Amino acid sequence: MSDDPVTPPEEELATLRMRRAHLRRACDELEQALAALSAGPADDRARRLAPAVARVREAFAAHISIVEGPDGLFDEIRAEAPRLEGMLRRLHREHDDIAAGLAAAEEDLSAPDEAAMARVRERLTAVLVALGRHRQRGTDLLYQAYEIDIGGE
């Protein structure tokens, strides 16, 4: 295969853009939910935060299935631009790390106390930062593979 950029099918790009926007909205909701946490019993705060965490986890799982699933974007890029394999491995590791951070936060939310809520805030802040960086690296990957800018929504 050539290292020259190719263009993925428009339908695939539309799906990718839609999922990207969905994940971004879920991250925005989580950021707002974290910012709104204040005083009150830990279990009340956990109940208010849990739905936003679940939405990010679900949106992120959908993202992973699109890019890493059978015949997904990663397979296509491997075939069309093998020079980007290192970037693909890094993004895969980030998928694992981000998913683990979300799972750990959800575990802490299931039995909240003040220490657990402090860990949740720290973990979710780290997850949001990691997701922002991950999204940028994904955009960079697509640009290098296809010379396409999918937008920053």
N, C-alpha and C. Protein backbone atom coordinates (compact mmCIF):
# COMPACT_ATOMS: atom_id res chain seq x y z
N MET A 1 0.84 -1.18 0.00
CA MET A 1 0.00 0.00 0.00
C MET A 1 0.88 1.25 0.00
N SER A 2 0.36 2.28 -0.52
CA SER A 2 1.08 3.54 -0.64
C SER A 2 0.95 4.35 0.64
N ASP A 3 1.92 5.22 0.88
CA ASP A 3 1.82 6.16 2.01
C ASP A 3 1.13 7.45 1.60
N ASP A 4 0.69 7.53 0.34
CA ASP A 4 -0.04 8.71 -0.10
C ASP A 4 -1.40 8.74 0.58
N PRO A 5 -1.87 9.93 0.94
CA PRO A 5 -3.16 10.02 1.61
C PRO A 5 -4.29 9.53 0.70
N VAL A 6 -5.25 8.87 1.31
CA VAL A 6 -6.46 8.47 0.63
C VAL A 6 -7.62 9.12 1.36
N THR A 7 -8.77 9.04 0.80
CA THR A 7 -9.93 9.64 1.45
C THR A 7 -10.85 8.54 1.92
N PRO A 8 -11.19 8.54 3.21
CA PRO A 8 -12.13 7.53 3.69
C PRO A 8 -13.53 7.85 3.16
N PRO A 9 -14.41 6.85 3.14
CA PRO A 9 -15.77 7.10 2.66
C PRO A 9 -16.44 8.22 3.45
N GLU A 10 -17.22 9.04 2.75
CA GLU A 10 -17.89 10.18 3.38
C GLU A 10 -18.80 9.73 4.52
N GLU A 11 -19.45 8.59 4.36
CA GLU A 11 -20.33 8.08 5.42
C GLU A 11 -19.54 7.78 6.69
N GLU A 12 -18.37 7.22 6.53
CA GLU A 12 -17.50 6.93 7.68
C GLU A 12 -17.08 8.21 8.38
N LEU A 13 -16.74 9.23 7.61
CA LEU A 13 -16.36 10.52 8.20
C LEU A 13 -17.54 11.15 8.92
N ALA A 14 -18.72 11.04 8.35
CA ALA A 14 -19.91 11.61 8.99
C ALA A 14 -20.17 10.92 10.33
N THR A 15 -20.03 9.61 10.38
CA THR A 15 -20.21 8.87 11.62
C THR A 15 -19.16 9.28 12.64
N LEU A 16 -17.94 9.40 12.18
CA LEU A 16 -16.85 9.80 13.07
C LEU A 16 -17.10 11.20 13.64
N ARG A 17 -17.52 12.12 12.80
CA ARG A 17 -17.81 13.47 13.28
C ARG A 17 -18.95 13.47 14.29
N MET A 18 -19.99 12.68 14.01
CA MET A 18 -21.14 12.61 14.92
C MET A 18 -20.71 12.05 16.28
N ARG A 19 -19.94 10.97 16.26
CA ARG A 19 -19.48 10.37 17.52
C ARG A 19 -18.54 11.31 18.27
N ARG A 20 -17.72 12.01 17.53
CA ARG A 20 -16.79 12.97 18.13
C ARG A 20 -17.57 14.08 18.83
N ALA A 21 -18.59 14.58 18.19
CA ALA A 21 -19.42 15.64 18.79
C ALA A 21 -20.17 15.10 20.01
N HIS A 22 -20.64 13.86 19.93
CA HIS A 22 -21.35 13.25 21.06
C HIS A 22 -20.42 13.13 22.27
N LEU A 23 -19.20 12.66 22.03
CA LEU A 23 -18.23 12.53 23.12
C LEU A 23 -17.89 13.91 23.69
N ARG A 24 -17.75 14.89 22.84
CA ARG A 24 -17.44 16.25 23.31
C ARG A 24 -18.56 16.78 24.20
N ARG A 25 -19.82 16.58 23.79
CA ARG A 25 -20.95 17.03 24.61
C ARG A 25 -20.96 16.31 25.96
N ALA A 26 -20.70 15.02 25.95
CA ALA A 26 -20.66 14.26 27.20
C ALA A 26 -19.55 14.77 28.12
N CYS A 27 -18.41 15.09 27.55
CA CYS A 27 -17.30 15.65 28.35
C CYS A 27 -17.68 17.01 28.92
N ASP A 28 -18.35 17.83 28.12
CA ASP A 28 -18.79 19.15 28.60
C ASP A 28 -19.76 18.99 29.77
N GLU A 29 -20.69 18.03 29.65
CA GLU A 29 -21.65 17.78 30.73
C GLU A 29 -20.94 17.31 31.99
N LEU A 30 -19.94 16.45 31.83
CA LEU A 30 -19.18 15.97 32.99
C LEU A 30 -18.42 17.12 33.64
N GLU A 31 -17.82 17.95 32.84
CA GLU A 31 -17.09 19.10 33.38
C GLU A 31 -18.04 20.01 34.17
N GLN A 32 -19.21 20.24 33.63
CA GLN A 32 -20.20 21.07 34.33
C GLN A 32 -20.67 20.40 35.62
N ALA A 33 -20.88 19.09 35.58
CA ALA A 33 -21.32 18.36 36.77
C ALA A 33 -20.24 18.41 37.85
N LEU A 34 -18.98 18.28 37.46
CA LEU A 34 -17.89 18.37 38.43
C LEU A 34 -17.83 19.77 39.04
N ALA A 35 -18.00 20.77 38.21
CA ALA A 35 -17.94 22.15 38.70
C ALA A 35 -19.09 22.46 39.66
N ALA A 36 -20.22 21.77 39.48
CA ALA A 36 -21.40 22.03 40.30
C ALA A 36 -21.36 21.30 41.64
N LEU A 37 -20.42 20.37 41.78
CA LEU A 37 -20.34 19.64 43.05
C LEU A 37 -19.87 20.58 44.14
N SER A 38 -20.60 20.59 45.20
CA SER A 38 -20.21 21.43 46.33
C SER A 38 -20.55 20.69 47.61
N ALA A 39 -21.05 21.39 48.54
CA ALA A 39 -21.36 20.80 49.84
C ALA A 39 -22.53 19.81 49.72
N GLY A 40 -22.66 19.04 50.74
CA GLY A 40 -23.73 18.05 50.80
C GLY A 40 -23.14 16.69 51.06
N PRO A 41 -23.99 15.77 51.43
CA PRO A 41 -23.51 14.42 51.71
C PRO A 41 -22.86 13.79 50.47
N ALA A 42 -21.83 13.01 50.70
CA ALA A 42 -21.09 12.38 49.59
C ALA A 42 -22.00 11.54 48.71
N ASP A 43 -22.95 10.82 49.31
CA ASP A 43 -23.81 9.97 48.49
C ASP A 43 -24.72 10.80 47.59
N ASP A 44 -25.16 11.97 48.04
CA ASP A 44 -25.96 12.86 47.18
C ASP A 44 -25.12 13.38 46.01
N ARG A 45 -23.89 13.79 46.31
CA ARG A 45 -23.01 14.28 45.25
C ARG A 45 -22.71 13.17 44.25
N ALA A 46 -22.51 11.95 44.74
CA ALA A 46 -22.23 10.82 43.85
C ALA A 46 -23.42 10.55 42.94
N ARG A 47 -24.63 10.60 43.49
CA ARG A 47 -25.84 10.37 42.68
C ARG A 47 -25.99 11.43 41.58
N ARG A 48 -25.61 12.66 41.88
CA ARG A 48 -25.71 13.73 40.88
C ARG A 48 -24.64 13.60 39.79
N LEU A 49 -23.49 13.09 40.16
CA LEU A 49 -22.37 12.99 39.23
C LEU A 49 -22.42 11.72 38.38
N ALA A 50 -22.92 10.64 38.91
CA ALA A 50 -22.88 9.34 38.24
C ALA A 50 -23.47 9.35 36.82
N PRO A 51 -24.60 10.00 36.57
CA PRO A 51 -25.13 9.97 35.19
C PRO A 51 -24.19 10.62 34.17
N ALA A 52 -23.52 11.68 34.55
CA ALA A 52 -22.59 12.34 33.63
C ALA A 52 -21.38 11.44 33.35
N VAL A 53 -20.91 10.73 34.36
CA VAL A 53 -19.80 9.79 34.18
C VAL A 53 -20.24 8.67 33.25
N ALA A 54 -21.43 8.16 33.46
CA ALA A 54 -21.95 7.07 32.62
C ALA A 54 -22.06 7.51 31.16
N ARG A 55 -22.50 8.76 30.92
CA ARG A 55 -22.61 9.25 29.54
C ARG A 55 -21.25 9.34 28.87
N VAL A 56 -20.24 9.78 29.60
CA VAL A 56 -18.89 9.83 29.01
C VAL A 56 -18.40 8.41 28.73
N ARG A 57 -18.60 7.51 29.69
CA ARG A 57 -18.16 6.11 29.48
C ARG A 57 -18.83 5.52 28.25
N GLU A 58 -20.13 5.73 28.10
CA GLU A 58 -20.85 5.17 26.95
C GLU A 58 -20.39 5.81 25.64
N ALA A 59 -20.22 7.11 25.63
CA ALA A 59 -19.75 7.80 24.42
C ALA A 59 -18.34 7.36 24.07
N PHE A 60 -17.50 7.17 25.08
CA PHE A 60 -16.13 6.74 24.84
C PHE A 60 -16.10 5.30 24.33
N ALA A 61 -16.95 4.44 24.88
CA ALA A 61 -17.03 3.05 24.40
C ALA A 61 -17.46 3.02 22.93
N ALA A 62 -18.39 3.89 22.56
CA ALA A 62 -18.82 3.96 21.16
C ALA A 62 -17.66 4.42 20.28
N HIS A 63 -16.91 5.39 20.77
CA HIS A 63 -15.73 5.87 20.03
C HIS A 63 -14.75 4.72 19.80
N ILE A 64 -14.47 3.97 20.85
CA ILE A 64 -13.52 2.85 20.73
C ILE A 64 -14.03 1.83 19.73
N SER A 65 -15.32 1.52 19.78
CA SER A 65 -15.85 0.50 18.87
C SER A 65 -15.74 0.94 17.41
N ILE A 66 -15.88 2.23 17.15
CA ILE A 66 -15.77 2.73 15.78
C ILE A 66 -14.33 2.68 15.29
N VAL A 67 -13.41 3.08 16.12
CA VAL A 67 -12.03 3.16 15.63
C VAL A 67 -11.26 1.86 15.77
N GLU A 68 -11.58 1.05 16.79
CA GLU A 68 -10.82 -0.18 16.99
C GLU A 68 -11.59 -1.45 16.62
N GLY A 69 -12.87 -1.31 16.31
CA GLY A 69 -13.67 -2.48 15.97
C GLY A 69 -13.23 -3.10 14.66
N PRO A 70 -13.82 -4.25 14.34
CA PRO A 70 -13.49 -4.92 13.07
C PRO A 70 -13.73 -3.97 11.90
N ASP A 71 -12.76 -3.89 11.02
CA ASP A 71 -12.82 -2.99 9.87
C ASP A 71 -12.99 -1.53 10.28
N GLY A 72 -12.55 -1.21 11.48
CA GLY A 72 -12.65 0.15 11.98
C GLY A 72 -11.58 1.05 11.39
N LEU A 73 -11.60 2.26 11.86
CA LEU A 73 -10.70 3.27 11.35
C LEU A 73 -9.23 2.89 11.55
N PHE A 74 -8.90 2.31 12.70
CA PHE A 74 -7.50 1.94 12.93
C PHE A 74 -7.04 0.91 11.91
N ASP A 75 -7.88 -0.10 11.61
CA ASP A 75 -7.51 -1.10 10.60
C ASP A 75 -7.31 -0.44 9.24
N GLU A 76 -8.18 0.49 8.91
CA GLU A 76 -8.07 1.17 7.62
C GLU A 76 -6.77 1.97 7.55
N ILE A 77 -6.45 2.67 8.61
CA ILE A 77 -5.22 3.48 8.61
C ILE A 77 -4.00 2.58 8.56
N ARG A 78 -4.04 1.45 9.30
CA ARG A 78 -2.92 0.51 9.23
C ARG A 78 -2.68 0.05 7.79
N ALA A 79 -3.76 -0.21 7.07
CA ALA A 79 -3.64 -0.70 5.70
C ALA A 79 -3.17 0.40 4.75
N GLU A 80 -3.69 1.60 4.94
CA GLU A 80 -3.41 2.69 4.00
C GLU A 80 -2.17 3.51 4.36
N ALA A 81 -1.84 3.57 5.64
CA ALA A 81 -0.72 4.41 6.08
C ALA A 81 0.04 3.72 7.21
N PRO A 82 0.72 2.62 6.90
CA PRO A 82 1.41 1.86 7.95
C PRO A 82 2.45 2.66 8.72
N ARG A 83 2.89 3.75 8.17
CA ARG A 83 3.87 4.61 8.86
C ARG A 83 3.29 5.18 10.16
N LEU A 84 1.98 5.13 10.33
CA LEU A 84 1.32 5.71 11.50
C LEU A 84 1.05 4.68 12.59
N GLU A 85 1.62 3.50 12.48
CA GLU A 85 1.38 2.44 13.46
C GLU A 85 1.71 2.88 14.88
N GLY A 86 2.78 3.61 15.07
CA GLY A 86 3.15 4.08 16.42
C GLY A 86 2.07 4.97 17.01
N MET A 87 1.51 5.85 16.21
CA MET A 87 0.42 6.71 16.69
C MET A 87 -0.80 5.87 17.05
N LEU A 88 -1.08 4.85 16.25
CA LEU A 88 -2.23 3.98 16.53
C LEU A 88 -2.04 3.24 17.86
N ARG A 89 -0.84 2.75 18.10
CA ARG A 89 -0.56 2.06 19.37
C ARG A 89 -0.74 3.02 20.54
N ARG A 90 -0.27 4.23 20.38
CA ARG A 90 -0.41 5.21 21.47
C ARG A 90 -1.88 5.50 21.75
N LEU A 91 -2.66 5.71 20.71
CA LEU A 91 -4.09 5.98 20.90
C LEU A 91 -4.78 4.79 21.55
N HIS A 92 -4.39 3.58 21.18
CA HIS A 92 -4.96 2.38 21.81
C HIS A 92 -4.64 2.36 23.31
N ARG A 93 -3.40 2.66 23.66
CA ARG A 93 -3.03 2.71 25.09
C ARG A 93 -3.85 3.77 25.82
N GLU A 94 -4.03 4.90 25.16
CA GLU A 94 -4.84 5.95 25.77
C GLU A 94 -6.28 5.48 25.97
N HIS A 95 -6.81 4.74 25.03
CA HIS A 95 -8.16 4.18 25.21
C HIS A 95 -8.22 3.37 26.51
N ASP A 96 -7.23 2.51 26.69
CA ASP A 96 -7.21 1.67 27.89
C ASP A 96 -7.10 2.52 29.15
N ASP A 97 -6.22 3.50 29.13
CA ASP A 97 -6.00 4.35 30.32
C ASP A 97 -7.24 5.18 30.66
N ILE A 98 -7.86 5.76 29.66
CA ILE A 98 -9.04 6.58 29.90
C ILE A 98 -10.19 5.71 30.41
N ALA A 99 -10.39 4.56 29.78
CA ALA A 99 -11.45 3.65 30.22
C ALA A 99 -11.21 3.20 31.66
N ALA A 100 -9.96 2.94 32.02
CA ALA A 100 -9.64 2.54 33.40
C ALA A 100 -9.92 3.67 34.38
N GLY A 101 -9.62 4.90 34.00
CA GLY A 101 -9.91 6.05 34.86
C GLY A 101 -11.40 6.22 35.08
N LEU A 102 -12.19 6.05 34.04
CA LEU A 102 -13.64 6.14 34.17
C LEU A 102 -14.18 5.02 35.06
N ALA A 103 -13.66 3.80 34.86
CA ALA A 103 -14.12 2.67 35.68
C ALA A 103 -13.77 2.87 37.15
N ALA A 104 -12.58 3.38 37.43
CA ALA A 104 -12.18 3.62 38.82
C ALA A 104 -13.07 4.69 39.46
N ALA A 105 -13.39 5.73 38.70
CA ALA A 105 -14.27 6.78 39.23
C ALA A 105 -15.66 6.21 39.51
N GLU A 106 -16.18 5.40 38.60
CA GLU A 106 -17.50 4.80 38.82
C GLU A 106 -17.49 3.87 40.03
N GLU A 107 -16.39 3.17 40.23
CA GLU A 107 -16.28 2.30 41.41
C GLU A 107 -16.33 3.14 42.69
N ASP A 108 -15.59 4.23 42.72
CA ASP A 108 -15.62 5.11 43.89
C ASP A 108 -17.00 5.72 44.10
N LEU A 109 -17.70 6.02 43.01
CA LEU A 109 -19.04 6.59 43.13
C LEU A 109 -20.05 5.58 43.69
N SER A 110 -19.75 4.30 43.56
CA SER A 110 -20.68 3.28 44.04
C SER A 110 -20.68 3.15 45.56
N ALA A 111 -19.64 3.61 46.22
CA ALA A 111 -19.56 3.57 47.68
C ALA A 111 -18.91 4.87 48.15
N PRO A 112 -19.62 5.97 47.99
CA PRO A 112 -18.97 7.27 48.23
C PRO A 112 -18.83 7.62 49.71
N ASP A 113 -17.68 8.17 50.00
CA ASP A 113 -17.43 8.88 51.24
C ASP A 113 -16.56 10.06 50.84
N GLU A 114 -16.14 10.86 51.78
CA GLU A 114 -15.38 12.07 51.41
C GLU A 114 -14.08 11.73 50.68
N ALA A 115 -13.39 10.69 51.13
CA ALA A 115 -12.13 10.31 50.47
C ALA A 115 -12.41 9.83 49.04
N ALA A 116 -13.47 9.05 48.88
CA ALA A 116 -13.81 8.56 47.54
C ALA A 116 -14.18 9.72 46.62
N MET A 117 -14.92 10.69 47.14
CA MET A 117 -15.31 11.82 46.30
C MET A 117 -14.10 12.67 45.91
N ALA A 118 -13.13 12.78 46.79
CA ALA A 118 -11.90 13.49 46.44
C ALA A 118 -11.16 12.75 45.32
N ARG A 119 -11.12 11.41 45.42
CA ARG A 119 -10.49 10.62 44.35
C ARG A 119 -11.25 10.76 43.04
N VAL A 120 -12.58 10.76 43.13
CA VAL A 120 -13.41 10.89 41.93
C VAL A 120 -13.11 12.21 41.23
N ARG A 121 -13.09 13.28 41.98
CA ARG A 121 -12.81 14.60 41.38
C ARG A 121 -11.43 14.59 40.71
N GLU A 122 -10.44 14.05 41.39
CA GLU A 122 -9.09 14.00 40.83
C GLU A 122 -9.04 13.13 39.58
N ARG A 123 -9.65 11.94 39.66
CA ARG A 123 -9.63 11.02 38.52
C ARG A 123 -10.36 11.61 37.32
N LEU A 124 -11.53 12.16 37.56
CA LEU A 124 -12.32 12.67 36.44
C LEU A 124 -11.68 13.90 35.82
N THR A 125 -11.04 14.71 36.62
CA THR A 125 -10.31 15.85 36.06
C THR A 125 -9.18 15.33 35.16
N ALA A 126 -8.47 14.30 35.62
CA ALA A 126 -7.41 13.70 34.81
C ALA A 126 -7.98 13.08 33.54
N VAL A 127 -9.13 12.43 33.64
CA VAL A 127 -9.77 11.83 32.47
C VAL A 127 -10.13 12.91 31.45
N LEU A 128 -10.70 14.01 31.91
CA LEU A 128 -11.08 15.08 30.99
C LEU A 128 -9.86 15.67 30.28
N VAL A 129 -8.78 15.84 31.01
CA VAL A 129 -7.54 16.34 30.39
C VAL A 129 -7.03 15.32 29.38
N ALA A 130 -7.02 14.03 29.76
CA ALA A 130 -6.54 12.98 28.86
C ALA A 130 -7.42 12.89 27.61
N LEU A 131 -8.73 13.04 27.78
CA LEU A 131 -9.63 13.00 26.63
C LEU A 131 -9.36 14.17 25.68
N GLY A 132 -9.11 15.33 26.22
CA GLY A 132 -8.80 16.48 25.37
C GLY A 132 -7.54 16.24 24.56
N ARG A 133 -6.53 15.72 25.20
CA ARG A 133 -5.27 15.42 24.49
C ARG A 133 -5.48 14.31 23.47
N HIS A 134 -6.25 13.30 23.87
CA HIS A 134 -6.53 12.17 22.99
C HIS A 134 -7.27 12.63 21.73
N ARG A 135 -8.25 13.48 21.93
CA ARG A 135 -9.01 13.99 20.78
C ARG A 135 -8.08 14.74 19.83
N GLN A 136 -7.16 15.53 20.37
CA GLN A 136 -6.23 16.26 19.51
C GLN A 136 -5.30 15.30 18.77
N ARG A 137 -4.81 14.27 19.46
CA ARG A 137 -3.94 13.31 18.79
C ARG A 137 -4.71 12.55 17.71
N GLY A 138 -5.99 12.26 17.97
CA GLY A 138 -6.81 11.61 16.96
C GLY A 138 -6.99 12.49 15.73
N THR A 139 -7.21 13.77 15.96
CA THR A 139 -7.32 14.72 14.85
C THR A 139 -6.02 14.77 14.07
N ASP A 140 -4.90 14.80 14.78
CA ASP A 140 -3.59 14.81 14.12
C ASP A 140 -3.40 13.55 13.28
N LEU A 141 -3.80 12.41 13.83
CA LEU A 141 -3.69 11.13 13.10
C LEU A 141 -4.49 11.19 11.80
N LEU A 142 -5.73 11.63 11.89
CA LEU A 142 -6.57 11.70 10.69
C LEU A 142 -5.98 12.64 9.66
N TYR A 143 -5.45 13.74 10.13
CA TYR A 143 -4.85 14.67 9.19
C TYR A 143 -3.64 14.04 8.50
N GLN A 144 -2.81 13.37 9.28
CA GLN A 144 -1.63 12.74 8.69
C GLN A 144 -2.01 11.60 7.75
N ALA A 145 -3.06 10.87 8.08
CA ALA A 145 -3.47 9.74 7.25
C ALA A 145 -4.20 10.19 5.98
N TYR A 146 -5.07 11.19 6.12
CA TYR A 146 -5.97 11.54 5.02
C TYR A 146 -5.88 13.00 4.57
N GLU A 147 -5.10 13.80 5.29
CA GLU A 147 -5.05 15.23 5.02
C GLU A 147 -6.45 15.83 5.07
N ILE A 148 -7.20 15.39 6.11
CA ILE A 148 -8.57 15.87 6.33
C ILE A 148 -8.64 16.44 7.73
N ASP A 149 -9.24 17.61 7.84
CA ASP A 149 -9.49 18.23 9.13
C ASP A 149 -10.94 17.96 9.46
N ILE A 150 -11.19 17.17 10.54
CA ILE A 150 -12.57 16.81 10.86
C ILE A 150 -13.25 17.84 11.73
N GLY A 151 -12.55 18.87 12.10
CA GLY A 151 -13.16 19.94 12.88
C GLY A 151 -12.94 19.75 14.35
N GLY A 152 -13.10 20.80 15.10
CA GLY A 152 -12.81 20.78 16.52
C GLY A 152 -14.02 20.77 17.42
N GLU A 153 -15.19 20.43 16.89
CA GLU A 153 -16.39 20.48 17.73
C GLU A 153 -16.31 19.56 18.89
